[in-house]
Each structure stands twice: as C-alpha cells, then as structure tokens.
C-alpha atoms as a PDB file:
ATOM      1  CA  MET A   1     -15.965  -1.071 -97.052  1.00  0.00           C
ATOM      2  CA  ASN A   2     -12.796   0.884 -96.223  1.00  0.00           C
ATOM      3  CA  ALA A   3     -10.816   3.348 -98.284  1.00  0.00           C
ATOM      4  CA  ASN A   4      -9.172   0.520-100.228  1.00  0.00           C
ATOM      5  CA  GLY A   5     -12.531  -1.009-101.137  1.00  0.00           C
ATOM      6  CA  HIS A   6     -12.226  -3.938 -98.678  1.00  0.00           C
ATOM      7  CA  THR A   7     -15.030  -4.982 -96.354  1.00  0.00           C
ATOM      8  CA  SER A   8     -14.307  -4.350 -92.580  1.00  0.00           C
ATOM      9  CA  ARG A   9     -14.223  -7.465 -90.329  1.00  0.00           C
ATOM     10  CA  CYS A  10     -15.423  -5.503 -87.220  1.00  0.00           C
ATOM     11  CA  ARG A  11     -18.871  -4.363 -86.546  1.00  0.00           C
ATOM     12  CA  ASP A  12     -19.526  -0.705 -86.331  1.00  0.00           C
ATOM     13  CA  LEU A  13     -19.687   0.407 -82.662  1.00  0.00           C
ATOM     14  CA  PRO A  14     -22.783   2.349 -81.580  1.00  0.00           C
ATOM     15  CA  GLU A  15     -22.461   6.007 -80.919  1.00  0.00           C
ATOM     16  CA  PRO A  16     -22.214   6.870 -77.179  1.00  0.00           C
ATOM     17  CA  VAL A  17     -25.508   7.865 -75.717  1.00  0.00           C
ATOM     18  CA  SER A  18     -25.533  11.385 -74.381  1.00  0.00           C
ATOM     19  CA  LEU A  19     -27.689  11.690 -71.240  1.00  0.00           C
ATOM     20  CA  SER A  20     -29.607  14.803 -70.603  1.00  0.00           C
ATOM     21  CA  ARG A  21     -28.803  16.930 -67.525  1.00  0.00           C
ATOM     22  CA  PRO A  22     -32.027  16.023 -65.614  1.00  0.00           C
ATOM     23  CA  VAL A  23     -31.280  12.317 -66.032  1.00  0.00           C
ATOM     24  CA  ARG A  24     -27.734  12.727 -64.746  1.00  0.00           C
ATOM     25  CA  LEU A  25     -28.962  14.593 -61.674  1.00  0.00           C
ATOM     26  CA  THR A  26     -31.578  11.915 -60.909  1.00  0.00           C
ATOM     27  CA  ALA A  27     -28.960   9.153 -61.141  1.00  0.00           C
ATOM     28  CA  ALA A  28     -26.601  11.046 -58.813  1.00  0.00           C
ATOM     29  CA  LEU A  29     -29.341  11.308 -56.179  1.00  0.00           C
ATOM     30  CA  LEU A  30     -30.568   7.700 -56.371  1.00  0.00           C
ATOM     31  CA  LEU A  31     -27.178   5.934 -56.458  1.00  0.00           C
ATOM     32  CA  PRO A  32     -26.165   6.607 -52.813  1.00  0.00           C
ATOM     33  CA  ALA A  33     -29.572   5.453 -51.560  1.00  0.00           C
ATOM     34  CA  LEU A  34     -29.304   2.222 -53.546  1.00  0.00           C
ATOM     35  CA  LEU A  35     -25.802   1.538 -52.192  1.00  0.00           C
ATOM     36  CA  ALA A  36     -26.906   2.188 -48.593  1.00  0.00           C
ATOM     37  CA  ALA A  37     -29.723  -0.324 -48.930  1.00  0.00           C
ATOM     38  CA  CYS A  38     -27.251  -3.013 -49.982  1.00  0.00           C
ATOM     39  CA  VAL A  39     -24.917  -2.531 -47.020  1.00  0.00           C
ATOM     40  CA  THR A  40     -25.336  -5.102 -44.130  1.00  0.00           C
ATOM     41  CA  ALA A  41     -26.328  -3.657 -40.749  1.00  0.00           C
ATOM     42  CA  PRO A  42     -23.294  -3.239 -38.468  1.00  0.00           C
ATOM     43  CA  GLU A  43     -22.668  -5.668 -35.561  1.00  0.00           C
ATOM     44  CA  GLY A  44     -24.496  -4.714 -32.385  1.00  0.00           C
ATOM     45  CA  MET A  45     -27.585  -3.517 -34.314  1.00  0.00           C
ATOM     46  CA  ARG A  46     -30.837  -5.386 -34.754  1.00  0.00           C
ATOM     47  CA  GLN A  47     -34.119  -4.947 -36.574  1.00  0.00           C
ATOM     48  CA  ALA A  48     -36.564  -3.692 -33.967  1.00  0.00           C
ATOM     49  CA  ASP A  49     -39.730  -4.678 -35.868  1.00  0.00           C
ATOM     50  CA  ALA A  50     -40.578  -5.586 -39.439  1.00  0.00           C
ATOM     51  CA  GLY A  51     -40.536  -2.423 -41.502  1.00  0.00           C
ATOM     52  CA  ASN A  52     -39.171  -0.286 -38.659  1.00  0.00           C
ATOM     53  CA  GLU A  53     -35.830   1.444 -38.374  1.00  0.00           C
ATOM     54  CA  ILE A  54     -32.687  -0.376 -37.178  1.00  0.00           C
ATOM     55  CA  ALA A  55     -32.274   0.064 -33.424  1.00  0.00           C
ATOM     56  CA  PRO A  56     -29.086  -0.491 -31.411  1.00  0.00           C
ATOM     57  CA  SER A  57     -28.973  -3.589 -29.197  1.00  0.00           C
ATOM     58  CA  PRO A  58     -28.874  -2.757 -25.499  1.00  0.00           C
ATOM     59  CA  VAL A  59     -25.408  -3.554 -24.043  1.00  0.00           C
ATOM     60  CA  LYS A  60     -25.328  -4.350 -20.318  1.00  0.00           C
ATOM     61  CA  PRO A  61     -22.247  -2.786 -18.717  1.00  0.00           C
ATOM     62  CA  LYS A  62     -19.925  -5.157 -16.839  1.00  0.00           C
ATOM     63  CA  ARG A  63     -19.980  -4.797 -13.068  1.00  0.00           C
ATOM     64  CA  VAL A  64     -16.519  -3.958 -11.758  1.00  0.00           C
ATOM     65  CA  LEU A  65     -15.772  -5.502  -8.365  1.00  0.00           C
ATOM     66  CA  ALA A  66     -13.117  -4.609  -5.819  1.00  0.00           C
ATOM     67  CA  ARG A  67     -11.407  -7.925  -6.584  1.00  0.00           C
ATOM     68  CA  ASP A  68     -11.066  -6.892 -10.243  1.00  0.00           C
ATOM     69  CA  ILE A  69      -9.415  -3.639  -9.230  1.00  0.00           C
ATOM     70  CA  LEU A  70      -7.020  -5.350  -6.822  1.00  0.00           C
ATOM     71  CA  SER A  71      -6.107  -7.953  -9.409  1.00  0.00           C
ATOM     72  CA  GLU A  72      -5.293  -5.189 -11.867  1.00  0.00           C
ATOM     73  CA  TRP A  73      -2.750  -3.730  -9.442  1.00  0.00           C
ATOM     74  CA  GLY A  74       0.141  -6.149  -9.042  1.00  0.00           C
ATOM     75  CA  THR A  75       1.368  -4.175  -6.049  1.00  0.00           C
ATOM     76  CA  PHE A  76      -1.585  -5.339  -3.981  1.00  0.00           C
ATOM     77  CA  GLY A  77      -2.913  -8.567  -5.474  1.00  0.00           C
ATOM     78  CA  ILE A  78      -5.340 -11.011  -3.923  1.00  0.00           C
ATOM     79  CA  ASP A  79      -4.296 -12.896  -0.830  1.00  0.00           C
ATOM     80  CA  PRO A  80      -4.425 -16.606  -1.838  1.00  0.00           C
ATOM     81  CA  ARG A  81      -3.845 -17.921   1.658  1.00  0.00           C
ATOM     82  CA  PRO A  82      -6.580 -19.736   3.567  1.00  0.00           C
ATOM     83  CA  ARG A  83      -8.669 -17.850   6.089  1.00  0.00           C
ATOM     84  CA  ALA A  84      -6.967 -19.544   9.052  1.00  0.00           C
ATOM     85  CA  ALA A  85      -3.528 -18.452   7.856  1.00  0.00           C
ATOM     86  CA  ARG A  86      -4.743 -14.866   7.385  1.00  0.00           C
ATOM     87  CA  ARG A  87      -6.159 -14.863  10.917  1.00  0.00           C
ATOM     88  CA  ALA A  88      -2.824 -16.141  12.238  1.00  0.00           C
ATOM     89  CA  MET A  89      -0.959 -13.370  10.425  1.00  0.00           C
ATOM     90  CA  ALA A  90      -3.398 -10.789  11.824  1.00  0.00           C
ATOM     91  CA  ARG A  91      -2.761 -12.085  15.348  1.00  0.00           C
ATOM     92  CA  LEU A  92       0.962 -11.909  14.753  1.00  0.00           C
ATOM     93  CA  ARG A  93       0.707  -8.289  13.594  1.00  0.00           C
ATOM     94  CA  ASP A  94      -1.274  -7.456  16.737  1.00  0.00           C
ATOM     95  CA  ASP A  95       1.378  -9.179  18.829  1.00  0.00           C
ATOM     96  CA  LEU A  96       4.137  -7.142  17.243  1.00  0.00           C
ATOM     97  CA  VAL A  97       2.213  -3.943  17.896  1.00  0.00           C
ATOM     98  CA  GLN A  98       1.689  -4.852  21.562  1.00  0.00           C
ATOM     99  CA  PRO A  99       4.670  -7.056  22.482  1.00  0.00           C
ATOM    100  CA  VAL A 100       4.972  -8.809  25.828  1.00  0.00           C
ATOM    101  CA  ALA A 101       8.148  -8.132  27.774  1.00  0.00           C
ATOM    102  CA  SER A 102      10.559 -11.057  27.944  1.00  0.00           C
ATOM    103  CA  PRO A 103      11.425 -12.082  31.516  1.00  0.00           C
ATOM    104  CA  THR A 104      15.011 -12.954  32.277  1.00  0.00           C
ATOM    105  CA  ILE A 105      15.955 -16.417  33.477  1.00  0.00           C
ATOM    106  CA  ARG A 106      16.270 -15.072  37.030  1.00  0.00           C
ATOM    107  CA  GLU A 107      12.757 -13.609  36.835  1.00  0.00           C
ATOM    108  CA  ILE A 108      11.431 -16.925  35.521  1.00  0.00           C
ATOM    109  CA  MET A 109      13.012 -18.834  38.394  1.00  0.00           C
ATOM    110  CA  ALA A 110      11.584 -16.356  40.907  1.00  0.00           C
ATOM    111  CA  SER A 111       8.022 -16.869  39.658  1.00  0.00           C
ATOM    112  CA  ALA A 112       5.877 -18.528  42.305  1.00  0.00           C
ATOM    113  CA  ALA A 113       3.307 -21.196  41.579  1.00  0.00           C
ATOM    114  CA  CYS A 114      -0.183 -19.861  41.036  1.00  0.00           C
ATOM    115  CA  ARG A 115      -3.576 -21.060  42.177  1.00  0.00           C
ATOM    116  CA  GLU A 116      -4.904 -21.232  38.640  1.00  0.00           C
ATOM    117  CA  CYS A 117      -2.381 -23.977  37.848  1.00  0.00           C
ATOM    118  CA  GLU A 118      -4.037 -26.245  40.403  1.00  0.00           C
ATOM    119  CA  GLN A 119      -7.140 -26.402  38.218  1.00  0.00           C
ATOM    120  CA  LYS A 120      -5.216 -27.465  35.099  1.00  0.00           C
ATOM    121  CA  PRO A 121      -4.898 -31.083  33.877  1.00  0.00           C
ATOM    122  CA  PHE A 122      -1.872 -33.138  34.936  1.00  0.00           C
ATOM    123  CA  HIS A 123      -0.938 -30.551  37.568  1.00  0.00           C
ATOM    124  CA  GLY A 124       0.361 -33.223  39.967  1.00  0.00           C
ATOM    125  CA  LEU A 125       2.829 -34.458  37.332  1.00  0.00           C
ATOM    126  CA  VAL A 126       3.784 -30.877  36.522  1.00  0.00           C
ATOM    127  CA  LEU A 127       4.605 -30.216  40.201  1.00  0.00           C
ATOM    128  CA  GLN A 128       6.806 -33.317  40.323  1.00  0.00           C
ATOM    129  CA  ALA A 129       8.714 -32.296  37.187  1.00  0.00           C
ATOM    130  CA  SER A 130       9.017 -28.738  38.489  1.00  0.00           C
ATOM    131  CA  ALA A 131      10.539 -29.922  41.773  1.00  0.00           C
ATOM    132  CA  THR A 132      12.917 -32.300  39.980  1.00  0.00           C
ATOM    133  CA  HIS A 133      14.236 -29.921  37.329  1.00  0.00           C
ATOM    134  CA  GLY A 134      13.696 -26.502  38.889  1.00  0.00           C
ATOM    135  CA  VAL A 135      11.341 -25.063  36.282  1.00  0.00           C
ATOM    136  CA  PRO A 136       8.296 -23.024  37.433  1.00  0.00           C
ATOM    137  CA  PRO A 137       4.979 -24.893  37.036  1.00  0.00           C
ATOM    138  CA  ALA A 138       3.455 -21.882  35.230  1.00  0.00           C
ATOM    139  CA  LEU A 139       6.040 -22.191  32.455  1.00  0.00           C
ATOM    140  CA  ILE A 140       5.503 -25.943  32.082  1.00  0.00           C
ATOM    141  CA  HIS A 141       1.735 -25.463  31.837  1.00  0.00           C
ATOM    142  CA  ALA A 142       2.170 -22.664  29.284  1.00  0.00           C
ATOM    143  CA  VAL A 143       4.319 -24.892  27.077  1.00  0.00           C
ATOM    144  CA  ILE A 144       1.899 -27.829  27.348  1.00  0.00           C
ATOM    145  CA  GLN A 145      -1.031 -25.581  26.392  1.00  0.00           C
ATOM    146  CA  ALA A 146       0.772 -24.218  23.322  1.00  0.00           C
ATOM    147  CA  GLU A 147       2.269 -27.525  22.221  1.00  0.00           C
ATOM    148  CA  SER A 148      -0.634 -29.973  22.478  1.00  0.00           C
ATOM    149  CA  GLY A 149      -3.578 -28.368  24.291  1.00  0.00           C
ATOM    150  CA  TYR A 150      -3.152 -31.077  26.971  1.00  0.00           C
ATOM    151  CA  ASN A 151      -3.507 -33.934  24.482  1.00  0.00           C
ATOM    152  CA  PRO A 152      -1.107 -36.762  25.521  1.00  0.00           C
ATOM    153  CA  ALA A 153      -1.632 -38.578  22.196  1.00  0.00           C
ATOM    154  CA  ALA A 154      -0.695 -35.597  19.991  1.00  0.00           C
ATOM    155  CA  THR A 155       1.819 -36.231  17.206  1.00  0.00           C
ATOM    156  CA  SER A 156       3.231 -33.580  14.875  1.00  0.00           C
ATOM    157  CA  SER A 157       4.433 -33.938  11.290  1.00  0.00           C
ATOM    158  CA  ARG A 158       7.982 -33.890  12.690  1.00  0.00           C
ATOM    159  CA  GLN A 159       7.195 -36.817  14.982  1.00  0.00           C
ATOM    160  CA  ALA A 160       7.105 -34.657  18.111  1.00  0.00           C
ATOM    161  CA  ARG A 161       5.035 -36.559  20.643  1.00  0.00           C
ATOM    162  CA  GLY A 162       2.859 -36.187  23.688  1.00  0.00           C
ATOM    163  CA  LEU A 163       1.914 -33.294  25.944  1.00  0.00           C
ATOM    164  CA  MET A 164       5.103 -31.246  25.475  1.00  0.00           C
ATOM    165  CA  GLN A 165       5.724 -32.469  21.901  1.00  0.00           C
ATOM    166  CA  VAL A 166       9.109 -34.048  22.574  1.00  0.00           C
ATOM    167  CA  THR A 167      10.871 -35.555  19.550  1.00  0.00           C
ATOM    168  CA  PRO A 168      12.624 -38.938  19.835  1.00  0.00           C
ATOM    169  CA  GLY A 169      15.992 -37.192  19.435  1.00  0.00           C
ATOM    170  CA  THR A 170      15.283 -34.760  22.256  1.00  0.00           C
ATOM    171  CA  GLY A 171      13.974 -37.647  24.356  1.00  0.00           C
ATOM    172  CA  ARG A 172      17.266 -39.524  23.977  1.00  0.00           C
ATOM    173  CA  MET A 173      19.125 -36.338  24.875  1.00  0.00           C
ATOM    174  CA  VAL A 174      17.382 -36.243  28.266  1.00  0.00           C
ATOM    175  CA  GLY A 175      17.523 -39.989  28.867  1.00  0.00           C
ATOM    176  CA  VAL A 176      14.356 -41.418  27.266  1.00  0.00           C
ATOM    177  CA  GLU A 177      15.554 -44.155  24.910  1.00  0.00           C
ATOM    178  CA  ASN A 178      12.142 -45.615  24.056  1.00  0.00           C
ATOM    179  CA  SER A 179      10.311 -43.086  21.871  1.00  0.00           C
ATOM    180  CA  ALA A 180       6.964 -44.814  22.504  1.00  0.00           C
ATOM    181  CA  ALA A 181       7.301 -43.862  26.178  1.00  0.00           C
ATOM    182  CA  LEU A 182       6.943 -40.202  25.193  1.00  0.00           C
ATOM    183  CA  TYR A 183       3.191 -40.761  24.964  1.00  0.00           C
ATOM    184  CA  ASP A 184       3.136 -41.495  28.684  1.00  0.00           C
ATOM    185  CA  PRO A 185       2.204 -38.193  30.420  1.00  0.00           C
ATOM    186  CA  ARG A 186       4.671 -38.623  33.300  1.00  0.00           C
ATOM    187  CA  THR A 187       7.597 -39.481  31.030  1.00  0.00           C
ATOM    188  CA  ASN A 188       6.714 -36.755  28.540  1.00  0.00           C
ATOM    189  CA  ILE A 189       6.384 -33.978  31.127  1.00  0.00           C
ATOM    190  CA  HIS A 190       9.675 -34.921  32.786  1.00  0.00           C
ATOM    191  CA  ALA A 191      11.446 -35.080  29.417  1.00  0.00           C
ATOM    192  CA  GLY A 192      10.045 -31.764  28.209  1.00  0.00           C
ATOM    193  CA  THR A 193      10.791 -30.042  31.523  1.00  0.00           C
ATOM    194  CA  ALA A 194      14.354 -31.410  31.577  1.00  0.00           C
ATOM    195  CA  TYR A 195      14.872 -30.007  28.081  1.00  0.00           C
ATOM    196  CA  LEU A 196      13.459 -26.631  29.141  1.00  0.00           C
ATOM    197  CA  ARG A 197      15.958 -26.590  32.031  1.00  0.00           C
ATOM    198  CA  MET A 198      18.838 -27.274  29.628  1.00  0.00           C
ATOM    199  CA  LEU A 199      17.741 -24.386  27.420  1.00  0.00           C
ATOM    200  CA  MET A 200      17.402 -22.040  30.401  1.00  0.00           C
ATOM    201  CA  GLU A 201      20.987 -22.780  31.373  1.00  0.00           C
ATOM    202  CA  ASN A 202      22.245 -21.811  27.916  1.00  0.00           C
ATOM    203  CA  HIS A 203      20.153 -18.714  27.132  1.00  0.00           C
ATOM    204  CA  ASP A 204      19.590 -15.357  28.773  1.00  0.00           C
ATOM    205  CA  THR A 205      15.922 -14.568  28.161  1.00  0.00           C
ATOM    206  CA  MET A 206      12.612 -16.349  27.972  1.00  0.00           C
ATOM    207  CA  ASP A 207      12.277 -15.396  24.306  1.00  0.00           C
ATOM    208  CA  GLU A 208      15.455 -17.282  23.441  1.00  0.00           C
ATOM    209  CA  VAL A 209      14.464 -20.305  25.559  1.00  0.00           C
ATOM    210  CA  LEU A 210      11.055 -20.633  23.901  1.00  0.00           C
ATOM    211  CA  ALA A 211      12.440 -19.989  20.411  1.00  0.00           C
ATOM    212  CA  ALA A 212      15.018 -22.738  20.966  1.00  0.00           C
ATOM    213  CA  TYR A 213      12.291 -25.109  22.191  1.00  0.00           C
ATOM    214  CA  ASN A 214      10.254 -24.444  19.051  1.00  0.00           C
ATOM    215  CA  ALA A 215      12.859 -23.963  16.303  1.00  0.00           C
ATOM    216  CA  GLY A 216      15.986 -25.486  17.829  1.00  0.00           C
ATOM    217  CA  PRO A 217      19.021 -23.925  19.560  1.00  0.00           C
ATOM    218  CA  GLY A 218      20.902 -23.857  16.254  1.00  0.00           C
ATOM    219  CA  ASN A 219      18.478 -21.364  14.721  1.00  0.00           C
ATOM    220  CA  VAL A 220      18.642 -19.150  17.819  1.00  0.00           C
ATOM    221  CA  ARG A 221      22.442 -19.042  17.528  1.00  0.00           C
ATOM    222  CA  ARG A 222      22.265 -18.455  13.791  1.00  0.00           C
ATOM    223  CA  TYR A 223      19.967 -15.430  14.106  1.00  0.00           C
ATOM    224  CA  ASN A 224      21.376 -14.270  17.448  1.00  0.00           C
ATOM    225  CA  GLY A 225      17.915 -14.382  18.999  1.00  0.00           C
ATOM    226  CA  VAL A 226      14.391 -15.337  17.958  1.00  0.00           C
ATOM    227  CA  PRO A 227      14.489 -16.542  14.322  1.00  0.00           C
ATOM    228  CA  PRO A 228      12.368 -14.644  11.781  1.00  0.00           C
ATOM    229  CA  PHE A 229       9.929 -17.549  11.449  1.00  0.00           C
ATOM    230  CA  THR A 230       6.231 -16.691  11.681  1.00  0.00           C
ATOM    231  CA  GLU A 231       5.389 -19.886  13.548  1.00  0.00           C
ATOM    232  CA  THR A 232       8.235 -19.429  16.049  1.00  0.00           C
ATOM    233  CA  ARG A 233       7.428 -15.785  16.772  1.00  0.00           C
ATOM    234  CA  ARG A 234       3.778 -16.578  17.294  1.00  0.00           C
ATOM    235  CA  TYR A 235       4.697 -19.505  19.545  1.00  0.00           C
ATOM    236  CA  VAL A 236       7.052 -17.384  21.678  1.00  0.00           C
ATOM    237  CA  HIS A 237       4.413 -14.717  22.141  1.00  0.00           C
ATOM    238  CA  GLU A 238       1.606 -17.137  23.038  1.00  0.00           C
ATOM    239  CA  VAL A 239       3.637 -19.085  25.594  1.00  0.00           C
ATOM    240  CA  LYS A 240       5.105 -15.951  27.123  1.00  0.00           C
ATOM    241  CA  ARG A 241       1.722 -14.278  27.405  1.00  0.00           C
ATOM    242  CA  SER A 242       0.227 -17.374  29.040  1.00  0.00           C
ATOM    243  CA  PHE A 243       3.133 -17.622  31.481  1.00  0.00           C
ATOM    244  CA  VAL A 244       3.073 -13.961  32.463  1.00  0.00           C
ATOM    245  CA  ARG A 245      -0.705 -14.016  32.962  1.00  0.00           C
ATOM    246  CA  THR A 246      -0.631 -17.248  34.954  1.00  0.00           C
ATOM    247  CA  ALA A 247       2.388 -16.388  37.123  1.00  0.00           C
ATOM    248  CA  ALA A 248       0.938 -12.989  38.016  1.00  0.00           C
ATOM    249  CA  GLU A 249      -2.189 -14.461  39.591  1.00  0.00           C
END
C-alpha cells in the first residue's frame, strides 16, 4: 500500500546482492580463462593429440624457380619462341659478331671454279648455266644449298619452286612461261642463274644481290641495302659464307 492507501500494482524488486571481495577476485580470475576456452583455434593450427596442446601445422615453403623470377620482371620475360627459332636467332647473333666480308661483283666474277663443286649434285647442269649466264659455279651451288638443299621438288609457302626456289613470276621474267617446268632441274637452274645475273648487273655487292634474291629488289632499294629482316640477313650470311669457303678452295 502506498502513501495514499492504495495497493501497488508492481512487485517489490529484490535488494541488490552485495558480493564479498574474495568472490569478486575469484570471478575476475576465472572469467578470462572461461572466455579463452570458448574461442575457436585460429586457422593453420591443429590439435596434435587428444588432450594435448594446440600445435601449429607445418607449412611447406614454396620453391621459387628462375622462371618465376624472370616472369616477375617484365623487362626480361620468358622467351615464348620455339627452340628452333631461338637457335636461329643465336646463329644470327654469332654472324653479326663475326661478319663475312661482302665481295664486289668484280670479285665474284673473278672467282674460279673449285674442285669441291665437282662432287656436288647437278654440277654438270650448274656448269652449263654458268657458261650461259656468266655466273660462277660456286655462287650457283651456294644458292641451291641455301634455297632447297638440292631438292628439285621443293616448294615454299610463296610457291617458289625447285632447286633454286624460283617463283612463277620470276620464271616468266627470265622466259619460263610454264611454271610446272620449274621443277625440272635443268630449267630451274638456268632460270635461277639468269635471275642472279640480272641482279648482279643492277647491284654493287654480293650482299645486295643475295638480299634481292631472297627479299626482292624492291626491299633492297627501300632500305638502301640489306633489309632488316632476320630471315634475309641469315640467308645472305649463309650463302656468302658458303661461296667464300667454296671459291677459296
């Protein structure tokens, strides 16, 4: 009943319990331990054995390879080219380090036939073409070796045909109207040698002649010399080296 004599609708609340000092100290010590027991073990930890302490899981370090380091550096990178292309580039770098001198047209014409040429395939046809067009046999053999490896049935992706890889357009230029005839060794060697003679009359050095044979006279004029094509530079070096070695014997 309140001061006005009315009955209170609320229950009387209990008096707050006052804990003793020892009880408060015990609760303060036990509470952190209880909370720690409820926390889940962190990732990367495992229970070693039942009832034992939590032990860290062994983490195997990743092996770092040279490829990983090169890939990380964009300046270097990984060479995606096939092994054959890398070998070709290595040969080209060696060629540039040790270049072969380029004979002049006069020096080419003064080169005598060599004995080694007599042992090469189709040498009789080469001698006939040499006498007809005035091109040294050593140069004809060097071009045949580089172009087809003495395969009269060789055909390139650009439809160059036969021993000296003469295209139908070049064949017509030197008088061969039937492109199928370019697979005939005699016709092919005469056509290729006639074209070489035309190039020798319009260029000053062997480098320019061979570059024109491989990449076309237009590219030689455009770049005022051997074009900066990897294939053409390698071709010029290989033919020139073969010619110089053969003519010197």
